């Protein structure tokens, strides 16, 4: 499937991609994103990966690379960031998301309550593994 100047939006995403282009290859019970790129939040995003959907649970592995993307979330905050993210749902029950997000710039609306924004974000520190095998089965 070839995609030309498509608009993509996800309900859980605080930004949309109005100019998506790429190729998705469907073979049997698998869809492979050969390339998919777009503009979102004033920056660029590229996605690659696959999803297997034949009999049983869907398995997938996706990789996203973003550069200079503006995200307006939560309300009153505007952030420009770069990111390299990878998601996986192999034959396990749960999926994971890992990667790096580099915040280039953050701005706050002068009428926003910065104290309540910080209080909402205060959680226990996230524990991360020091090393991670990128492929299931140790390959």
N, C-alpha and C. Protein backbone atom coordinates (compact mmCIF):
# COMPACT_ATOMS: atom_id res chain seq x y z
N UNK A 1 0.84 -1.14 0.00
CA UNK A 1 0.00 0.00 0.00
C UNK A 1 0.90 1.23 0.00
N UNK A 2 0.67 2.13 -0.92
CA UNK A 2 1.41 3.39 -0.94
C UNK A 2 0.55 4.47 -0.29
N UNK A 3 1.20 5.28 0.51
CA UNK A 3 0.51 6.35 1.22
C UNK A 3 1.09 7.67 0.73
N UNK A 4 0.20 8.58 0.30
CA UNK A 4 0.64 9.88 -0.22
C UNK A 4 -0.14 10.99 0.45
N UNK A 5 0.55 11.89 1.13
CA UNK A 5 -0.05 13.07 1.77
C UNK A 5 -1.28 12.73 2.60
N UNK A 6 -1.19 11.65 3.37
CA UNK A 6 -2.30 11.24 4.22
C UNK A 6 -2.26 11.99 5.55
N UNK A 7 -3.42 12.18 6.14
CA UNK A 7 -3.51 12.78 7.46
C UNK A 7 -3.70 11.66 8.47
N UNK A 8 -2.82 11.63 9.49
CA UNK A 8 -2.92 10.60 10.52
C UNK A 8 -3.06 11.28 11.87
N UNK A 9 -3.95 10.74 12.68
CA UNK A 9 -4.17 11.28 14.01
C UNK A 9 -4.55 10.11 14.91
N UNK A 10 -4.01 10.09 16.12
CA UNK A 10 -4.35 9.05 17.09
C UNK A 10 -4.98 9.72 18.30
N UNK A 11 -6.04 9.13 18.85
CA UNK A 11 -6.72 9.75 19.98
C UNK A 11 -5.81 9.96 21.19
N UNK A 12 -4.79 9.13 21.36
CA UNK A 12 -3.89 9.25 22.51
C UNK A 12 -2.72 10.18 22.25
N UNK A 13 -2.59 10.68 21.02
CA UNK A 13 -1.46 11.53 20.66
C UNK A 13 -1.84 13.00 20.75
N UNK A 14 -0.97 13.83 21.37
CA UNK A 14 -1.27 15.26 21.44
C UNK A 14 -0.89 16.02 20.18
N UNK A 15 -0.50 15.32 19.12
CA UNK A 15 -0.15 15.96 17.86
C UNK A 15 -0.62 15.08 16.71
N UNK A 16 -0.74 15.64 15.52
CA UNK A 16 -1.20 14.89 14.36
C UNK A 16 -0.19 15.03 13.23
N UNK A 17 -0.29 14.16 12.23
CA UNK A 17 0.60 14.21 11.07
C UNK A 17 -0.23 14.48 9.82
N UNK A 18 -0.20 15.72 9.31
CA UNK A 18 -1.02 16.03 8.15
C UNK A 18 -0.40 15.64 6.81
N UNK A 19 0.87 15.25 6.77
CA UNK A 19 1.53 14.93 5.50
C UNK A 19 2.31 13.64 5.64
N UNK A 20 1.62 12.51 5.69
CA UNK A 20 2.30 11.22 5.84
C UNK A 20 2.47 10.57 4.48
N UNK A 21 3.65 10.01 4.25
CA UNK A 21 3.97 9.32 3.01
C UNK A 21 4.74 8.05 3.34
N UNK A 22 4.51 6.99 2.56
CA UNK A 22 5.27 5.77 2.81
C UNK A 22 4.72 4.58 2.08
N UNK A 23 5.29 3.42 2.44
CA UNK A 23 4.90 2.15 1.83
C UNK A 23 4.75 1.11 2.94
N UNK A 24 3.60 0.41 2.93
CA UNK A 24 3.36 -0.70 3.84
C UNK A 24 3.13 -1.94 2.97
N UNK A 25 3.89 -2.99 3.24
CA UNK A 25 3.83 -4.23 2.46
C UNK A 25 3.04 -5.26 3.24
N UNK A 26 1.98 -5.82 2.63
CA UNK A 26 1.16 -6.85 3.26
C UNK A 26 1.51 -8.19 2.62
N UNK A 27 1.91 -9.15 3.45
CA UNK A 27 2.22 -10.50 2.97
C UNK A 27 1.63 -11.50 3.95
N UNK A 28 0.66 -12.28 3.49
CA UNK A 28 0.05 -13.28 4.36
C UNK A 28 -0.52 -12.66 5.62
N UNK A 29 0.09 -13.00 6.76
CA UNK A 29 -0.41 -12.52 8.04
C UNK A 29 0.50 -11.46 8.66
N UNK A 30 1.18 -10.70 7.82
CA UNK A 30 2.14 -9.71 8.32
C UNK A 30 2.05 -8.42 7.50
N UNK A 31 2.13 -7.29 8.19
CA UNK A 31 2.22 -5.98 7.55
C UNK A 31 3.56 -5.39 7.94
N UNK A 32 4.36 -5.01 6.94
CA UNK A 32 5.68 -4.45 7.20
C UNK A 32 5.70 -3.01 6.71
N UNK A 33 6.05 -2.10 7.60
CA UNK A 33 6.19 -0.69 7.21
C UNK A 33 7.58 -0.56 6.62
N UNK A 34 7.65 -0.47 5.31
CA UNK A 34 8.94 -0.34 4.65
C UNK A 34 9.51 1.06 4.89
N UNK A 35 8.67 2.04 4.80
CA UNK A 35 9.03 3.40 5.20
C UNK A 35 7.73 4.18 5.39
N UNK A 36 7.73 5.02 6.37
CA UNK A 36 6.58 5.88 6.64
C UNK A 36 7.13 7.13 7.31
N UNK A 37 6.90 8.26 6.68
CA UNK A 37 7.41 9.50 7.24
C UNK A 37 6.34 10.57 7.12
N UNK A 38 6.49 11.58 7.95
CA UNK A 38 5.53 12.67 7.91
C UNK A 38 6.03 13.86 8.68
N UNK A 39 5.24 14.89 8.64
CA UNK A 39 5.51 16.10 9.39
C UNK A 39 4.47 16.17 10.49
N UNK A 40 4.92 16.49 11.68
CA UNK A 40 4.00 16.62 12.80
C UNK A 40 4.56 17.62 13.79
N UNK A 41 3.71 18.46 14.30
CA UNK A 41 4.14 19.44 15.28
C UNK A 41 5.30 20.29 14.81
N UNK A 42 5.38 20.56 13.50
CA UNK A 42 6.45 21.38 12.96
C UNK A 42 7.75 20.62 12.75
N UNK A 43 7.80 19.35 13.09
CA UNK A 43 9.01 18.55 12.92
C UNK A 43 8.77 17.35 12.02
N UNK A 44 9.71 16.44 12.01
CA UNK A 44 9.62 15.26 11.14
C UNK A 44 9.59 14.00 11.99
N UNK A 45 8.88 12.98 11.48
CA UNK A 45 8.81 11.69 12.14
C UNK A 45 8.94 10.59 11.09
N UNK A 46 9.66 9.53 11.44
CA UNK A 46 9.80 8.37 10.57
C UNK A 46 9.47 7.13 11.39
N UNK A 47 8.70 6.21 10.79
CA UNK A 47 8.28 4.99 11.48
C UNK A 47 8.63 3.80 10.61
N UNK A 48 9.10 2.73 11.24
CA UNK A 48 9.34 1.47 10.55
C UNK A 48 8.94 0.34 11.49
N UNK A 49 8.81 -0.85 10.96
CA UNK A 49 8.49 -2.00 11.79
C UNK A 49 7.51 -2.93 11.12
N UNK A 50 6.89 -3.78 11.93
CA UNK A 50 5.96 -4.77 11.39
C UNK A 50 4.89 -5.10 12.42
N UNK A 51 3.81 -5.73 11.93
CA UNK A 51 2.77 -6.28 12.79
C UNK A 51 2.34 -7.62 12.19
N UNK A 52 2.29 -8.64 13.01
CA UNK A 52 1.79 -9.95 12.59
C UNK A 52 0.40 -10.14 13.16
N UNK A 53 -0.56 -10.49 12.34
CA UNK A 53 -1.95 -10.50 12.79
C UNK A 53 -2.68 -11.80 12.45
N UNK A 54 -1.97 -12.88 12.20
CA UNK A 54 -2.64 -14.13 11.83
C UNK A 54 -2.87 -15.03 13.02
N UNK A 55 -4.12 -15.36 13.31
CA UNK A 55 -4.48 -16.32 14.35
C UNK A 55 -3.80 -16.07 15.68
N UNK A 56 -4.52 -15.72 16.67
CA UNK A 56 -3.93 -15.44 17.98
C UNK A 56 -3.67 -13.97 18.17
N UNK A 57 -2.92 -13.65 19.21
CA UNK A 57 -2.70 -12.22 19.51
C UNK A 57 -1.83 -11.56 18.45
N UNK A 58 -2.04 -10.28 18.27
CA UNK A 58 -1.23 -9.48 17.35
C UNK A 58 0.16 -9.31 17.97
N UNK A 59 1.19 -9.52 17.15
CA UNK A 59 2.55 -9.24 17.60
C UNK A 59 3.08 -8.09 16.75
N UNK A 60 3.93 -7.27 17.33
CA UNK A 60 4.45 -6.15 16.57
C UNK A 60 5.77 -5.67 17.13
N UNK A 61 6.49 -4.96 16.31
CA UNK A 61 7.68 -4.22 16.72
C UNK A 61 7.73 -2.98 15.84
N UNK A 62 7.73 -1.83 16.47
CA UNK A 62 7.74 -0.57 15.74
C UNK A 62 8.89 0.30 16.25
N UNK A 63 9.45 1.09 15.35
CA UNK A 63 10.50 2.04 15.70
C UNK A 63 10.09 3.40 15.15
N UNK A 64 10.21 4.43 15.99
CA UNK A 64 9.87 5.79 15.57
C UNK A 64 11.04 6.72 15.87
N UNK A 65 11.34 7.56 14.91
CA UNK A 65 12.39 8.56 15.03
C UNK A 65 11.72 9.91 14.80
N UNK A 66 11.88 10.83 15.73
CA UNK A 66 11.26 12.16 15.60
C UNK A 66 12.32 13.24 15.79
N UNK A 67 12.17 14.33 15.05
CA UNK A 67 13.12 15.45 15.15
C UNK A 67 12.35 16.76 15.20
N UNK A 68 12.62 17.56 16.22
CA UNK A 68 12.06 18.91 16.37
C UNK A 68 10.52 18.91 16.33
N UNK A 69 9.90 17.99 17.07
CA UNK A 69 8.44 17.88 17.09
C UNK A 69 7.90 18.65 18.30
N UNK A 70 6.92 19.50 18.04
CA UNK A 70 6.27 20.27 19.12
C UNK A 70 5.07 19.48 19.63
N UNK A 71 5.02 19.35 20.96
CA UNK A 71 3.91 18.68 21.62
C UNK A 71 3.30 19.66 22.61
N UNK A 72 2.01 19.88 22.49
CA UNK A 72 1.31 20.79 23.39
C UNK A 72 0.52 19.95 24.41
N UNK A 73 1.25 19.50 25.43
CA UNK A 73 0.64 18.66 26.47
C UNK A 73 1.54 18.70 27.67
N UNK A 74 1.00 18.78 28.87
CA UNK A 74 -0.40 19.04 29.21
C UNK A 74 -0.79 20.47 28.86
N UNK A 75 -2.02 20.81 29.13
CA UNK A 75 -2.53 22.14 28.80
C UNK A 75 -1.64 23.21 29.43
N UNK A 76 -1.25 24.18 28.63
CA UNK A 76 -0.41 25.26 29.11
C UNK A 76 1.08 25.03 28.92
N UNK A 77 1.46 23.88 28.38
CA UNK A 77 2.87 23.56 28.18
C UNK A 77 3.11 23.24 26.70
N UNK A 78 4.18 23.78 26.15
CA UNK A 78 4.58 23.49 24.78
C UNK A 78 6.03 23.01 24.82
N UNK A 79 6.28 21.83 24.28
CA UNK A 79 7.61 21.23 24.32
C UNK A 79 8.05 20.87 22.91
N UNK A 80 9.30 21.14 22.59
CA UNK A 80 9.89 20.69 21.32
C UNK A 80 10.93 19.64 21.67
N UNK A 81 10.83 18.47 21.02
CA UNK A 81 11.69 17.35 21.39
C UNK A 81 12.10 16.52 20.19
N UNK A 82 13.20 15.79 20.38
CA UNK A 82 13.63 14.75 19.46
C UNK A 82 13.38 13.43 20.18
N UNK A 83 13.16 12.35 19.44
CA UNK A 83 12.92 11.07 20.09
C UNK A 83 13.36 9.91 19.20
N UNK A 84 13.75 8.84 19.86
CA UNK A 84 14.01 7.56 19.22
C UNK A 84 13.34 6.53 20.10
N UNK A 85 12.22 5.97 19.63
CA UNK A 85 11.41 5.06 20.44
C UNK A 85 11.20 3.74 19.73
N UNK A 86 11.13 2.68 20.54
CA UNK A 86 10.89 1.35 20.01
C UNK A 86 9.81 0.69 20.85
N UNK A 87 8.84 0.07 20.21
CA UNK A 87 7.81 -0.66 20.94
C UNK A 87 7.84 -2.11 20.49
N UNK A 88 7.37 -2.97 21.36
CA UNK A 88 7.39 -4.40 21.04
C UNK A 88 6.27 -5.09 21.78
N UNK A 89 5.62 -5.95 21.09
CA UNK A 89 4.71 -6.90 21.72
C UNK A 89 4.94 -8.20 20.99
N UNK A 90 5.88 -8.95 21.50
CA UNK A 90 6.17 -10.25 20.91
C UNK A 90 5.08 -11.21 21.30
N UNK A 91 5.45 -12.36 21.70
CA UNK A 91 4.47 -13.37 22.11
C UNK A 91 4.14 -13.25 23.59
N UNK A 92 4.55 -12.16 24.19
CA UNK A 92 4.23 -11.90 25.59
C UNK A 92 2.86 -11.23 25.68
N UNK A 93 2.33 -11.17 26.87
CA UNK A 93 1.03 -10.54 27.08
C UNK A 93 1.14 -9.02 27.01
N UNK A 94 2.19 -8.47 27.60
CA UNK A 94 2.32 -7.01 27.67
C UNK A 94 3.26 -6.48 26.60
N UNK A 95 3.05 -5.25 26.21
CA UNK A 95 3.93 -4.57 25.27
C UNK A 95 4.83 -3.63 26.05
N UNK A 96 5.94 -3.24 25.44
CA UNK A 96 6.83 -2.27 26.08
C UNK A 96 7.18 -1.17 25.09
N UNK A 97 7.58 -0.06 25.66
CA UNK A 97 8.04 1.08 24.88
C UNK A 97 9.33 1.54 25.53
N UNK A 98 10.38 1.67 24.74
CA UNK A 98 11.68 2.08 25.25
C UNK A 98 12.30 3.07 24.29
N UNK A 99 13.21 3.87 24.79
CA UNK A 99 13.91 4.81 23.92
C UNK A 99 14.38 6.03 24.64
N UNK A 100 14.69 7.03 23.85
CA UNK A 100 15.23 8.28 24.37
C UNK A 100 14.42 9.44 23.82
N UNK A 101 14.07 10.36 24.71
CA UNK A 101 13.42 11.60 24.31
C UNK A 101 14.30 12.73 24.80
N UNK A 102 14.69 13.59 23.89
CA UNK A 102 15.53 14.74 24.24
C UNK A 102 14.69 16.00 24.10
N UNK A 103 14.49 16.69 25.21
CA UNK A 103 13.70 17.92 25.19
C UNK A 103 14.62 19.07 24.77
N UNK A 104 14.28 19.69 23.66
CA UNK A 104 15.06 20.80 23.12
C UNK A 104 14.64 22.13 23.72
N UNK A 105 13.35 22.25 23.96
CA UNK A 105 12.83 23.51 24.50
C UNK A 105 11.47 23.25 25.11
N UNK A 106 11.17 23.92 26.22
CA UNK A 106 9.85 23.82 26.84
C UNK A 106 9.39 25.21 27.22
N UNK A 107 8.13 25.48 26.99
CA UNK A 107 7.57 26.77 27.34
C UNK A 107 6.27 26.58 28.10
N UNK A 108 5.98 27.52 29.00
CA UNK A 108 4.77 27.46 29.79
C UNK A 108 3.92 28.68 29.51
N UNK A 109 2.64 28.50 29.41
CA UNK A 109 1.70 29.60 29.29
C UNK A 109 1.79 30.42 30.58
N UNK A 110 1.89 31.71 30.47
CA UNK A 110 2.05 32.55 31.67
C UNK A 110 0.86 32.44 32.62
N UNK A 111 -0.28 31.98 32.12
CA UNK A 111 -1.45 31.81 32.97
C UNK A 111 -1.56 30.40 33.52
N UNK A 112 -0.63 29.50 33.14
CA UNK A 112 -0.67 28.12 33.63
C UNK A 112 -0.15 28.06 35.06
N UNK A 113 -0.68 27.16 35.85
CA UNK A 113 -0.24 26.95 37.22
C UNK A 113 0.89 25.92 37.19
N UNK A 114 2.13 26.41 37.15
CA UNK A 114 3.30 25.54 37.03
C UNK A 114 3.39 24.59 38.22
N UNK A 115 3.03 25.04 39.40
CA UNK A 115 3.06 24.19 40.59
C UNK A 115 2.19 22.96 40.44
N UNK A 116 0.96 23.14 39.94
CA UNK A 116 0.07 21.98 39.77
C UNK A 116 0.55 21.09 38.63
N UNK A 117 1.18 21.69 37.58
CA UNK A 117 1.73 20.87 36.51
C UNK A 117 2.84 19.96 37.04
N UNK A 118 3.72 20.52 37.87
CA UNK A 118 4.81 19.73 38.46
C UNK A 118 4.27 18.69 39.42
N UNK A 119 3.26 19.04 40.20
CA UNK A 119 2.68 18.09 41.15
C UNK A 119 2.04 16.91 40.43
N UNK A 120 1.41 17.15 39.29
CA UNK A 120 0.81 16.07 38.51
C UNK A 120 1.87 15.13 37.96
N UNK A 121 3.06 15.67 37.67
CA UNK A 121 4.10 14.83 37.07
C UNK A 121 4.95 14.12 38.12
N UNK A 122 4.80 14.44 39.39
CA UNK A 122 5.62 13.82 40.44
C UNK A 122 5.15 12.38 40.67
N UNK A 123 6.02 11.46 40.33
CA UNK A 123 5.76 10.03 40.52
C UNK A 123 7.05 9.38 40.97
N UNK A 124 6.95 8.13 41.32
CA UNK A 124 8.16 7.39 41.68
C UNK A 124 9.07 7.31 40.47
N UNK A 125 10.39 7.34 40.66
CA UNK A 125 11.31 7.25 39.52
C UNK A 125 11.10 5.96 38.72
N UNK A 126 11.26 6.08 37.42
CA UNK A 126 11.12 4.91 36.55
C UNK A 126 12.42 4.14 36.56
N UNK A 127 12.36 2.84 36.81
CA UNK A 127 13.56 2.00 36.82
C UNK A 127 13.80 1.49 35.41
N UNK A 128 15.01 1.63 34.94
CA UNK A 128 15.37 1.14 33.62
C UNK A 128 16.53 0.18 33.73
N UNK A 129 16.58 -0.79 32.84
CA UNK A 129 17.69 -1.73 32.81
C UNK A 129 18.92 -1.04 32.25
N UNK A 130 20.11 -1.42 32.75
CA UNK A 130 21.33 -0.79 32.26
C UNK A 130 21.67 -1.25 30.85
N UNK A 131 21.33 -2.47 30.51
CA UNK A 131 21.51 -2.96 29.14
C UNK A 131 20.27 -3.72 28.76
N UNK A 132 20.02 -3.78 27.45
CA UNK A 132 18.82 -4.45 26.98
C UNK A 132 19.12 -5.11 25.65
N UNK A 133 18.71 -6.35 25.52
CA UNK A 133 18.85 -7.06 24.26
C UNK A 133 17.75 -6.57 23.34
N UNK A 134 18.09 -6.11 22.14
CA UNK A 134 17.12 -5.53 21.22
C UNK A 134 16.24 -6.58 20.54
N UNK A 135 16.63 -7.86 20.62
CA UNK A 135 15.89 -8.89 19.90
C UNK A 135 15.47 -10.00 20.83
N UNK A 136 14.20 -10.49 20.71
CA UNK A 136 13.76 -11.61 21.53
C UNK A 136 14.61 -12.85 21.23
N UNK A 137 14.83 -13.66 22.24
CA UNK A 137 15.56 -14.92 22.02
C UNK A 137 17.05 -14.73 21.98
N UNK A 138 17.56 -13.54 22.28
CA UNK A 138 18.99 -13.30 22.35
C UNK A 138 19.69 -13.17 21.02
N UNK A 139 18.97 -13.04 19.92
CA UNK A 139 19.60 -12.93 18.60
C UNK A 139 20.25 -11.58 18.42
